[in-house]
Amino acid sequence: KKIVNENMIESLGFEEAVMNVADYLVWNDRLDLTMIPMQKLFT
């Protein structure tokens, strides 16, 4: 969260094919920003 705030990050991509729902909910709550599925980028 500290790095997110320092760099004014408002949207964050994540690996939806890897991250489970529980982890997604935790990160979404911790970071309080828009999380967008971006598995295709790495693929």
All heavy atoms as atom14 arrays in JSON, in Angstrom:
{
  "sequence": "KKIVNENMIESLGFEEAVMNVADYLVWNDRLDLTMIPMQKLFT",
  "atom14_mask": [
    [1, 1, 1, 1, 1, 1, 1, 1, 1, 0, 0, 0, 0, 0],
    [1, 1, 1, 1, 1, 1, 1, 1, 1, 0, 0, 0, 0, 0],
    [1, 1, 1, 1, 1, 1, 1, 1, 0, 0, 0, 0, 0, 0],
    [1, 1, 1, 1, 1, 1, 1, 0, 0, 0, 0, 0, 0, 0],
    [1, 1, 1, 1, 1, 1, 1, 1, 0, 0, 0, 0, 0, 0],
    [1, 1, 1, 1, 1, 1, 1, 1, 1, 0, 0, 0, 0, 0],
    [1, 1, 1, 1, 1, 1, 1, 1, 0, 0, 0, 0, 0, 0],
    [1, 1, 1, 1, 1, 1, 1, 1, 0, 0, 0, 0, 0, 0],
    [1, 1, 1, 1, 1, 1, 1, 1, 0, 0, 0, 0, 0, 0],
    [1, 1, 1, 1, 1, 1, 1, 1, 1, 0, 0, 0, 0, 0],
    [1, 1, 1, 1, 1, 1, 0, 0, 0, 0, 0, 0, 0, 0],
    [1, 1, 1, 1, 1, 1, 1, 1, 0, 0, 0, 0, 0, 0],
    [1, 1, 1, 1, 0, 0, 0, 0, 0, 0, 0, 0, 0, 0],
    [1, 1, 1, 1, 1, 1, 1, 1, 1, 1, 1, 0, 0, 0],
    [1, 1, 1, 1, 1, 1, 1, 1, 1, 0, 0, 0, 0, 0],
    [1, 1, 1, 1, 1, 1, 1, 1, 1, 0, 0, 0, 0, 0],
    [1, 1, 1, 1, 1, 0, 0, 0, 0, 0, 0, 0, 0, 0],
    [1, 1, 1, 1, 1, 1, 1, 0, 0, 0, 0, 0, 0, 0],
    [1, 1, 1, 1, 1, 1, 1, 1, 0, 0, 0, 0, 0, 0],
    [1, 1, 1, 1, 1, 1, 1, 1, 0, 0, 0, 0, 0, 0],
    [1, 1, 1, 1, 1, 1, 1, 0, 0, 0, 0, 0, 0, 0],
    [1, 1, 1, 1, 1, 0, 0, 0, 0, 0, 0, 0, 0, 0],
    [1, 1, 1, 1, 1, 1, 1, 1, 0, 0, 0, 0, 0, 0],
    [1, 1, 1, 1, 1, 1, 1, 1, 1, 1, 1, 1, 0, 0],
    [1, 1, 1, 1, 1, 1, 1, 1, 0, 0, 0, 0, 0, 0],
    [1, 1, 1, 1, 1, 1, 1, 0, 0, 0, 0, 0, 0, 0],
    [1, 1, 1, 1, 1, 1, 1, 1, 1, 1, 1, 1, 1, 1],
    [1, 1, 1, 1, 1, 1, 1, 1, 0, 0, 0, 0, 0, 0],
    [1, 1, 1, 1, 1, 1, 1, 1, 0, 0, 0, 0, 0, 0],
    [1, 1, 1, 1, 1, 1, 1, 1, 1, 1, 1, 0, 0, 0],
    [1, 1, 1, 1, 1, 1, 1, 1, 0, 0, 0, 0, 0, 0],
    [1, 1, 1, 1, 1, 1, 1, 1, 0, 0, 0, 0, 0, 0],
    [1, 1, 1, 1, 1, 1, 1, 1, 0, 0, 0, 0, 0, 0],
    [1, 1, 1, 1, 1, 1, 1, 0, 0, 0, 0, 0, 0, 0],
    [1, 1, 1, 1, 1, 1, 1, 1, 0, 0, 0, 0, 0, 0],
    [1, 1, 1, 1, 1, 1, 1, 1, 0, 0, 0, 0, 0, 0],
    [1, 1, 1, 1, 1, 1, 1, 0, 0, 0, 0, 0, 0, 0],
    [1, 1, 1, 1, 1, 1, 1, 1, 0, 0, 0, 0, 0, 0],
    [1, 1, 1, 1, 1, 1, 1, 1, 1, 0, 0, 0, 0, 0],
    [1, 1, 1, 1, 1, 1, 1, 1, 1, 0, 0, 0, 0, 0],
    [1, 1, 1, 1, 1, 1, 1, 1, 0, 0, 0, 0, 0, 0],
    [1, 1, 1, 1, 1, 1, 1, 1, 1, 1, 1, 0, 0, 0],
    [1, 1, 1, 1, 1, 1, 1, 0, 0, 0, 0, 0, 0, 0]
  ],
  "atom14_positions": [
    [[0.83, -1.21, 0.0], [0.0, 0.0, 0.0], [0.87, 1.26, 0.0], [0.53, 2.26, -0.67], [-0.91, -0.01, 1.23], [-1.84, 1.2, 1.34], [-2.87, 1.23, 0.22], [-3.89, 2.33, 0.46], [-4.84, 2.45, -0.67], [0.0, 0.0, 0.0], [0.0, 0.0, 0.0], [0.0, 0.0, 0.0], [0.0, 0.0, 0.0], [0.0, 0.0, 0.0]],
    [[1.99, 1.24, 0.71], [2.89, 2.39, 0.76], [3.41, 2.72, -0.64], [3.41, 3.89, -1.06], [4.05, 2.08, 1.7], [5.08, 3.21, 1.84], [6.12, 2.84, 2.89], [7.12, 3.98, 3.08], [7.99, 4.18, 1.89], [0.0, 0.0, 0.0], [0.0, 0.0, 0.0], [0.0, 0.0, 0.0], [0.0, 0.0, 0.0], [0.0, 0.0, 0.0]],
    [[3.84, 1.7, -1.4], [4.35, 1.91, -2.75], [3.22, 2.36, -3.68], [3.4, 3.23, -4.54], [5.03, 0.64, -3.29], [6.18, 0.22, -2.38], [5.52, 0.85, -4.72], [7.28, 1.25, -2.24], [0.0, 0.0, 0.0], [0.0, 0.0, 0.0], [0.0, 0.0, 0.0], [0.0, 0.0, 0.0], [0.0, 0.0, 0.0], [0.0, 0.0, 0.0]],
    [[2.05, 1.78, -3.5], [0.89, 2.16, -4.3], [0.58, 3.65, -4.12], [0.36, 4.39, -5.09], [-0.34, 1.3, -3.92], [-1.63, 1.92, -4.45], [-0.18, -0.11, -4.48], [0.0, 0.0, 0.0], [0.0, 0.0, 0.0], [0.0, 0.0, 0.0], [0.0, 0.0, 0.0], [0.0, 0.0, 0.0], [0.0, 0.0, 0.0], [0.0, 0.0, 0.0]],
    [[0.59, 4.1, -2.88], [0.28, 5.5, -2.6], [1.37, 6.43, -3.13], [1.08, 7.48, -3.71], [0.09, 5.72, -1.1], [-1.18, 5.08, -0.57], [-2.09, 4.78, -1.33], [-1.24, 4.86, 0.73], [0.0, 0.0, 0.0], [0.0, 0.0, 0.0], [0.0, 0.0, 0.0], [0.0, 0.0, 0.0], [0.0, 0.0, 0.0], [0.0, 0.0, 0.0]],
    [[2.62, 6.05, -2.93], [3.73, 6.9, -3.36], [3.75, 7.07, -4.88], [4.21, 8.1, -5.39], [5.07, 6.31, -2.89], [5.29, 6.41, -1.4], [6.56, 5.72, -0.94], [7.19, 5.02, -1.78], [6.92, 5.86, 0.24], [0.0, 0.0, 0.0], [0.0, 0.0, 0.0], [0.0, 0.0, 0.0], [0.0, 0.0, 0.0], [0.0, 0.0, 0.0]],
    [[3.26, 6.06, -5.6], [3.29, 6.11, -7.05], [1.92, 6.42, -7.66], [1.75, 6.31, -8.87], [3.83, 4.78, -7.6], [5.3, 4.6, -7.33], [6.15, 4.99, -8.12], [5.63, 4.01, -6.19], [0.0, 0.0, 0.0], [0.0, 0.0, 0.0], [0.0, 0.0, 0.0], [0.0, 0.0, 0.0], [0.0, 0.0, 0.0], [0.0, 0.0, 0.0]],
    [[0.99, 6.79, -6.8], [-0.36, 7.2, -7.24], [-1.0, 6.16, -8.16], [-1.55, 6.48, -9.21], [-0.3, 8.57, -7.91], [0.12, 9.68, -6.96], [0.19, 11.33, -7.73], [1.64, 11.16, -8.76], [0.0, 0.0, 0.0], [0.0, 0.0, 0.0], [0.0, 0.0, 0.0], [0.0, 0.0, 0.0], [0.0, 0.0, 0.0], [0.0, 0.0, 0.0]],
    [[-0.88, 4.91, -7.76], [-1.47, 3.81, -8.53], [-2.95, 3.69, -8.19], [-3.32, 3.52, -7.02], [-0.74, 2.48, -8.22], [0.71, 2.57, -8.67], [-1.45, 1.3, -8.88], [1.57, 1.38, -8.25], [0.0, 0.0, 0.0], [0.0, 0.0, 0.0], [0.0, 0.0, 0.0], [0.0, 0.0, 0.0], [0.0, 0.0, 0.0], [0.0, 0.0, 0.0]],
    [[-3.79, 3.79, -9.19], [-5.23, 3.73, -8.98], [-5.86, 2.43, -9.48], [-6.95, 2.06, -9.07], [-5.91, 4.92, -9.68], [-5.48, 6.27, -9.11], [-6.17, 7.42, -9.81], [-6.89, 7.18, -10.81], [-6.0, 8.57, -9.36], [0.0, 0.0, 0.0], [0.0, 0.0, 0.0], [0.0, 0.0, 0.0], [0.0, 0.0, 0.0], [0.0, 0.0, 0.0]],
    [[-5.16, 1.75, -10.4], [-5.66, 0.47, -10.92], [-4.51, -0.52, -10.98], [-3.38, -0.16, -11.35], [-6.28, 0.64, -12.3], [-5.34, 1.17, -13.22], [0.0, 0.0, 0.0], [0.0, 0.0, 0.0], [0.0, 0.0, 0.0], [0.0, 0.0, 0.0], [0.0, 0.0, 0.0], [0.0, 0.0, 0.0], [0.0, 0.0, 0.0], [0.0, 0.0, 0.0]],
    [[-4.79, -1.74, -10.62], [-3.75, -2.75, -10.52], [-4.2, -4.04, -11.21], [-5.28, -4.56, -10.9], [-3.43, -3.03, -9.05], [-2.08, -3.65, -8.7], [-0.93, -2.78, -9.19], [-1.98, -3.85, -7.19], [0.0, 0.0, 0.0], [0.0, 0.0, 0.0], [0.0, 0.0, 0.0], [0.0, 0.0, 0.0], [0.0, 0.0, 0.0], [0.0, 0.0, 0.0]],
    [[-3.42, -4.54, -12.13], [-3.74, -5.8, -12.77], [-3.32, -6.97, -11.9], [-2.37, -6.88, -11.13], [0.0, 0.0, 0.0], [0.0, 0.0, 0.0], [0.0, 0.0, 0.0], [0.0, 0.0, 0.0], [0.0, 0.0, 0.0], [0.0, 0.0, 0.0], [0.0, 0.0, 0.0], [0.0, 0.0, 0.0], [0.0, 0.0, 0.0], [0.0, 0.0, 0.0]],
    [[-4.05, -8.08, -12.02], [-3.69, -9.29, -11.26], [-3.91, -10.51, -12.13], [-4.57, -10.44, -13.17], [-4.5, -9.39, -9.96], [-5.95, -9.71, -10.15], [-6.43, -11.01, -10.01], [-6.86, -8.71, -10.48], [-7.77, -11.31, -10.2], [-8.21, -9.0, -10.66], [-8.67, -10.3, -10.53], [0.0, 0.0, 0.0], [0.0, 0.0, 0.0], [0.0, 0.0, 0.0]],
    [[-3.34, -11.64, -11.72], [-3.4, -12.89, -12.49], [-4.63, -13.68, -12.05], [-4.57, -14.46, -11.1], [-2.13, -13.7, -12.26], [-0.84, -12.97, -12.59], [0.32, -13.52, -11.81], [0.52, -13.11, -10.64], [1.05, -14.38, -12.36], [0.0, 0.0, 0.0], [0.0, 0.0, 0.0], [0.0, 0.0, 0.0], [0.0, 0.0, 0.0], [0.0, 0.0, 0.0]],
    [[-5.72, -13.49, -12.76], [-6.97, -14.13, -12.35], [-6.94, -15.64, -12.48], [-7.73, -16.34, -11.83], [-8.15, -13.55, -13.15], [-8.22, -13.96, -14.61], [-7.41, -13.07, -15.52], [-6.56, -12.3, -15.02], [-7.61, -13.15, -16.75], [0.0, 0.0, 0.0], [0.0, 0.0, 0.0], [0.0, 0.0, 0.0], [0.0, 0.0, 0.0], [0.0, 0.0, 0.0]],
    [[-6.05, -16.18, -13.32], [-5.95, -17.64, -13.46], [-5.15, -18.26, -12.32], [-5.12, -19.49, -12.18], [-5.29, -17.99, -14.8], [0.0, 0.0, 0.0], [0.0, 0.0, 0.0], [0.0, 0.0, 0.0], [0.0, 0.0, 0.0], [0.0, 0.0, 0.0], [0.0, 0.0, 0.0], [0.0, 0.0, 0.0], [0.0, 0.0, 0.0], [0.0, 0.0, 0.0]],
    [[-4.52, -17.42, -11.51], [-3.66, -17.91, -10.43], [-4.21, -17.53, -9.06], [-4.26, -18.34, -8.14], [-2.22, -17.35, -10.59], [-1.34, -17.79, -9.42], [-1.63, -17.78, -11.91], [0.0, 0.0, 0.0], [0.0, 0.0, 0.0], [0.0, 0.0, 0.0], [0.0, 0.0, 0.0], [0.0, 0.0, 0.0], [0.0, 0.0, 0.0], [0.0, 0.0, 0.0]],
    [[-4.61, -16.27, -8.91], [-5.07, -15.78, -7.61], [-6.46, -16.32, -7.29], [-7.38, -16.18, -8.1], [-5.09, -14.25, -7.61], [-5.44, -13.64, -6.25], [-5.44, -11.83, -6.25], [-3.68, -11.48, -6.46], [0.0, 0.0, 0.0], [0.0, 0.0, 0.0], [0.0, 0.0, 0.0], [0.0, 0.0, 0.0], [0.0, 0.0, 0.0], [0.0, 0.0, 0.0]],
    [[-6.59, -16.94, -6.11], [-7.91, -17.45, -5.73], [-8.8, -16.32, -5.19], [-8.34, -15.2, -4.96], [-7.8, -18.6, -4.74], [-7.11, -18.2, -3.44], [-7.32, -17.11, -2.93], [-6.29, -19.11, -2.9], [0.0, 0.0, 0.0], [0.0, 0.0, 0.0], [0.0, 0.0, 0.0], [0.0, 0.0, 0.0], [0.0, 0.0, 0.0], [0.0, 0.0, 0.0]],
    [[-10.05, -16.63, -5.01], [-11.02, -15.61, -4.6], [-10.66, -15.04, -3.23], [-10.75, -13.82, -3.0], [-12.45, -16.19, -4.59], [-13.44, -15.18, -4.01], [-12.88, -16.6, -5.99], [0.0, 0.0, 0.0], [0.0, 0.0, 0.0], [0.0, 0.0, 0.0], [0.0, 0.0, 0.0], [0.0, 0.0, 0.0], [0.0, 0.0, 0.0], [0.0, 0.0, 0.0]],
    [[-10.23, -15.9, -2.31], [-9.9, -15.43, -0.96], [-8.76, -14.42, -1.0], [-8.83, -13.36, -0.35], [-9.53, -16.62, -0.08], [0.0, 0.0, 0.0], [0.0, 0.0, 0.0], [0.0, 0.0, 0.0], [0.0, 0.0, 0.0], [0.0, 0.0, 0.0], [0.0, 0.0, 0.0], [0.0, 0.0, 0.0], [0.0, 0.0, 0.0], [0.0, 0.0, 0.0]],
    [[-7.71, -14.72, -1.76], [-6.58, -13.79, -1.87], [-6.99, -12.5, -2.56], [-6.56, -11.41, -2.19], [-5.42, -14.44, -2.62], [-4.7, -15.48, -1.79], [-4.85, -15.46, -0.56], [-3.98, -16.32, -2.37], [0.0, 0.0, 0.0], [0.0, 0.0, 0.0], [0.0, 0.0, 0.0], [0.0, 0.0, 0.0], [0.0, 0.0, 0.0], [0.0, 0.0, 0.0]],
    [[-7.83, -12.62, -3.58], [-8.31, -11.42, -4.28], [-9.05, -10.5, -3.32], [-8.83, -9.29, -3.3], [-9.23, -11.81, -5.44], [-10.0, -10.63, -6.0], [-9.4, -9.75, -6.89], [-11.32, -10.39, -5.6], [-10.1, -8.65, -7.38], [-12.01, -9.29, -6.09], [-11.41, -8.43, -6.98], [-12.08, -7.34, -7.44], [0.0, 0.0, 0.0], [0.0, 0.0, 0.0]],
    [[-9.92, -11.08, -2.51], [-10.7, -10.26, -1.57], [-9.79, -9.58, -0.55], [-10.01, -8.42, -0.19], [-11.74, -11.14, -0.86], [-12.86, -11.68, -1.75], [-13.73, -12.66, -0.97], [-13.71, -10.54, -2.32], [0.0, 0.0, 0.0], [0.0, 0.0, 0.0], [0.0, 0.0, 0.0], [0.0, 0.0, 0.0], [0.0, 0.0, 0.0], [0.0, 0.0, 0.0]],
    [[-8.76, -10.3, -0.11], [-7.83, -9.72, 0.86], [-7.07, -8.55, 0.25], [-6.98, -7.46, 0.83], [-6.84, -10.79, 1.38], [-5.72, -10.14, 2.17], [-7.57, -11.8, 2.25], [0.0, 0.0, 0.0], [0.0, 0.0, 0.0], [0.0, 0.0, 0.0], [0.0, 0.0, 0.0], [0.0, 0.0, 0.0], [0.0, 0.0, 0.0], [0.0, 0.0, 0.0]],
    [[-6.5, -8.77, -0.96], [-5.74, -7.71, -1.61], [-6.64, -6.53, -1.97], [-6.24, -5.36, -1.83], [-5.05, -8.24, -2.86], [-3.78, -8.99, -2.57], [-3.57, -10.33, -2.72], [-2.57, -8.44, -2.08], [-2.28, -10.66, -2.34], [-1.65, -9.51, -1.95], [-2.15, -7.16, -1.72], [-0.35, -9.33, -1.48], [-0.85, -6.97, -1.25], [0.03, -8.04, -1.14]],
    [[-7.82, -6.81, -2.42], [-8.75, -5.74, -2.78], [-9.08, -4.87, -1.57], [-9.17, -3.64, -1.67], [-10.02, -6.35, -3.36], [-10.9, -5.32, -4.05], [-10.43, -4.55, -4.88], [-12.16, -5.3, -3.69], [0.0, 0.0, 0.0], [0.0, 0.0, 0.0], [0.0, 0.0, 0.0], [0.0, 0.0, 0.0], [0.0, 0.0, 0.0], [0.0, 0.0, 0.0]],
    [[-9.21, -5.52, -0.42], [-9.49, -4.79, 0.81], [-8.27, -4.01, 1.29], [-8.37, -2.87, 1.73], [-9.96, -5.77, 1.89], [-10.28, -5.06, 3.2], [-11.21, -4.26, 3.23], [-9.56, -5.32, 4.2], [0.0, 0.0, 0.0], [0.0, 0.0, 0.0], [0.0, 0.0, 0.0], [0.0, 0.0, 0.0], [0.0, 0.0, 0.0], [0.0, 0.0, 0.0]],
    [[-7.11, -4.63, 1.19], [-5.87, -3.99, 1.66], [-5.52, -2.74, 0.85], [-5.12, -1.72, 1.4], [-4.69, -4.97, 1.56], [-4.66, -6.08, 2.58], [-3.56, -7.06, 2.22], [-3.37, -8.09, 3.23], [-2.55, -9.13, 3.08], [-1.85, -9.27, 1.96], [-2.41, -10.01, 4.04], [0.0, 0.0, 0.0], [0.0, 0.0, 0.0], [0.0, 0.0, 0.0]],
    [[-5.67, -2.84, -0.46], [-5.16, -1.79, -1.34], [-6.19, -0.73, -1.68], [-5.84, 0.39, -2.05], [-4.6, -2.42, -2.62], [-3.48, -3.44, -2.42], [-3.01, -3.99, -3.75], [-2.32, -2.82, -1.65], [0.0, 0.0, 0.0], [0.0, 0.0, 0.0], [0.0, 0.0, 0.0], [0.0, 0.0, 0.0], [0.0, 0.0, 0.0], [0.0, 0.0, 0.0]],
    [[-7.47, -1.08, -1.61], [-8.55, -0.11, -1.85], [-8.36, 0.63, -3.17], [-8.3, 1.87, -3.22], [-8.63, 0.87, -0.68], [-9.88, 1.75, -0.76], [-10.88, 1.29, -1.34], [-9.83, 2.89, -0.26], [0.0, 0.0, 0.0], [0.0, 0.0, 0.0], [0.0, 0.0, 0.0], [0.0, 0.0, 0.0], [0.0, 0.0, 0.0], [0.0, 0.0, 0.0]],
    [[-8.25, -0.14, -4.24], [-8.15, 0.42, -5.58], [-8.85, -0.51, -6.55], [-9.42, -1.52, -6.16], [-6.68, 0.65, -5.99], [-5.64, -0.45, -5.72], [-5.89, -1.71, -6.49], [-4.25, 0.09, -6.03], [0.0, 0.0, 0.0], [0.0, 0.0, 0.0], [0.0, 0.0, 0.0], [0.0, 0.0, 0.0], [0.0, 0.0, 0.0], [0.0, 0.0, 0.0]],
    [[-8.84, -0.18, -7.82], [-9.49, -1.02, -8.82], [-8.54, -2.13, -9.25], [-7.43, -1.87, -9.71], [-9.88, -0.18, -10.06], [-10.73, 0.87, -9.64], [-10.59, -1.05, -11.09], [0.0, 0.0, 0.0], [0.0, 0.0, 0.0], [0.0, 0.0, 0.0], [0.0, 0.0, 0.0], [0.0, 0.0, 0.0], [0.0, 0.0, 0.0], [0.0, 0.0, 0.0]],
    [[-8.97, -3.38, -9.08], [-8.16, -4.53, -9.5], [-8.78, -5.12, -10.77], [-9.98, -5.41, -10.8], [-8.07, -5.56, -8.38], [-7.3, -5.04, -7.16], [-6.97, -6.31, -5.92], [-5.78, -7.35, -6.78], [0.0, 0.0, 0.0], [0.0, 0.0, 0.0], [0.0, 0.0, 0.0], [0.0, 0.0, 0.0], [0.0, 0.0, 0.0], [0.0, 0.0, 0.0]],
    [[-7.95, -5.29, -11.79], [-8.43, -5.69, -13.11], [-7.72, -6.98, -13.55], [-6.49, -7.07, -13.47], [-8.14, -4.58, -14.14], [-8.88, -3.29, -13.73], [-8.56, -5.01, -15.54], [-8.55, -2.1, -14.6], [0.0, 0.0, 0.0], [0.0, 0.0, 0.0], [0.0, 0.0, 0.0], [0.0, 0.0, 0.0], [0.0, 0.0, 0.0], [0.0, 0.0, 0.0]],
    [[-8.45, -7.99, -14.01], [-7.82, -9.23, -14.5], [-6.88, -8.93, -15.68], [-7.29, -8.29, -16.65], [-9.01, -10.08, -14.95], [-10.18, -9.53, -14.2], [-9.92, -8.07, -14.08], [0.0, 0.0, 0.0], [0.0, 0.0, 0.0], [0.0, 0.0, 0.0], [0.0, 0.0, 0.0], [0.0, 0.0, 0.0], [0.0, 0.0, 0.0], [0.0, 0.0, 0.0]],
    [[-5.63, -9.39, -15.57], [-4.64, -9.11, -16.63], [-3.78, -10.34, -16.93], [-2.62, -10.19, -17.34], [-3.76, -7.94, -16.22], [-4.46, -6.58, -16.23], [-5.02, -6.07, -17.86], [-3.44, -5.71, -18.63], [0.0, 0.0, 0.0], [0.0, 0.0, 0.0], [0.0, 0.0, 0.0], [0.0, 0.0, 0.0], [0.0, 0.0, 0.0], [0.0, 0.0, 0.0]],
    [[-4.33, -11.53, -16.73], [-3.57, -12.75, -17.03], [-3.09, -12.76, -18.48], [-1.99, -13.22, -18.79], [-4.43, -13.97, -16.77], [-3.73, -15.31, -16.99], [-2.73, -15.62, -15.9], [-3.0, -15.38, -14.73], [-1.56, -16.12, -16.27], [0.0, 0.0, 0.0], [0.0, 0.0, 0.0], [0.0, 0.0, 0.0], [0.0, 0.0, 0.0], [0.0, 0.0, 0.0]],
    [[-3.91, -12.24, -19.38], [-3.59, -12.28, -20.81], [-2.29, -11.56, -21.13], [-1.61, -11.9, -22.11], [-4.74, -11.69, -21.62], [-5.02, -10.23, -21.34], [-6.2, -9.71, -22.16], [-6.48, -8.23, -21.86], [-7.64, -7.73, -22.64], [0.0, 0.0, 0.0], [0.0, 0.0, 0.0], [0.0, 0.0, 0.0], [0.0, 0.0, 0.0], [0.0, 0.0, 0.0]],
    [[-1.94, -10.55, -20.33], [-0.7, -9.82, -20.58], [0.5, -10.76, -20.5], [1.36, -10.78, -21.38], [-0.56, -8.67, -19.58], [0.64, -7.74, -19.73], [0.27, -6.33, -19.26], [1.84, -8.23, -18.91], [0.0, 0.0, 0.0], [0.0, 0.0, 0.0], [0.0, 0.0, 0.0], [0.0, 0.0, 0.0], [0.0, 0.0, 0.0], [0.0, 0.0, 0.0]],
    [[0.56, -11.55, -19.42], [1.67, -12.49, -19.27], [1.59, -13.64, -20.27], [2.6, -14.11, -20.78], [1.72, -13.04, -17.84], [2.42, -12.13, -16.88], [1.7, -11.45, -15.92], [3.79, -11.93, -16.95], [2.34, -10.6, -15.03], [4.44, -11.08, -16.07], [3.71, -10.41, -15.1], [0.0, 0.0, 0.0], [0.0, 0.0, 0.0], [0.0, 0.0, 0.0]],
    [[0.37, -14.08, -20.56], [0.21, -15.16, -21.54], [0.79, -14.75, -22.88], [1.53, -15.51, -23.52], [-1.28, -15.52, -21.71], [-1.79, -15.98, -20.46], [-1.47, -16.61, -22.76], [0.0, 0.0, 0.0], [0.0, 0.0, 0.0], [0.0, 0.0, 0.0], [0.0, 0.0, 0.0], [0.0, 0.0, 0.0], [0.0, 0.0, 0.0], [0.0, 0.0, 0.0]]
  ]
}
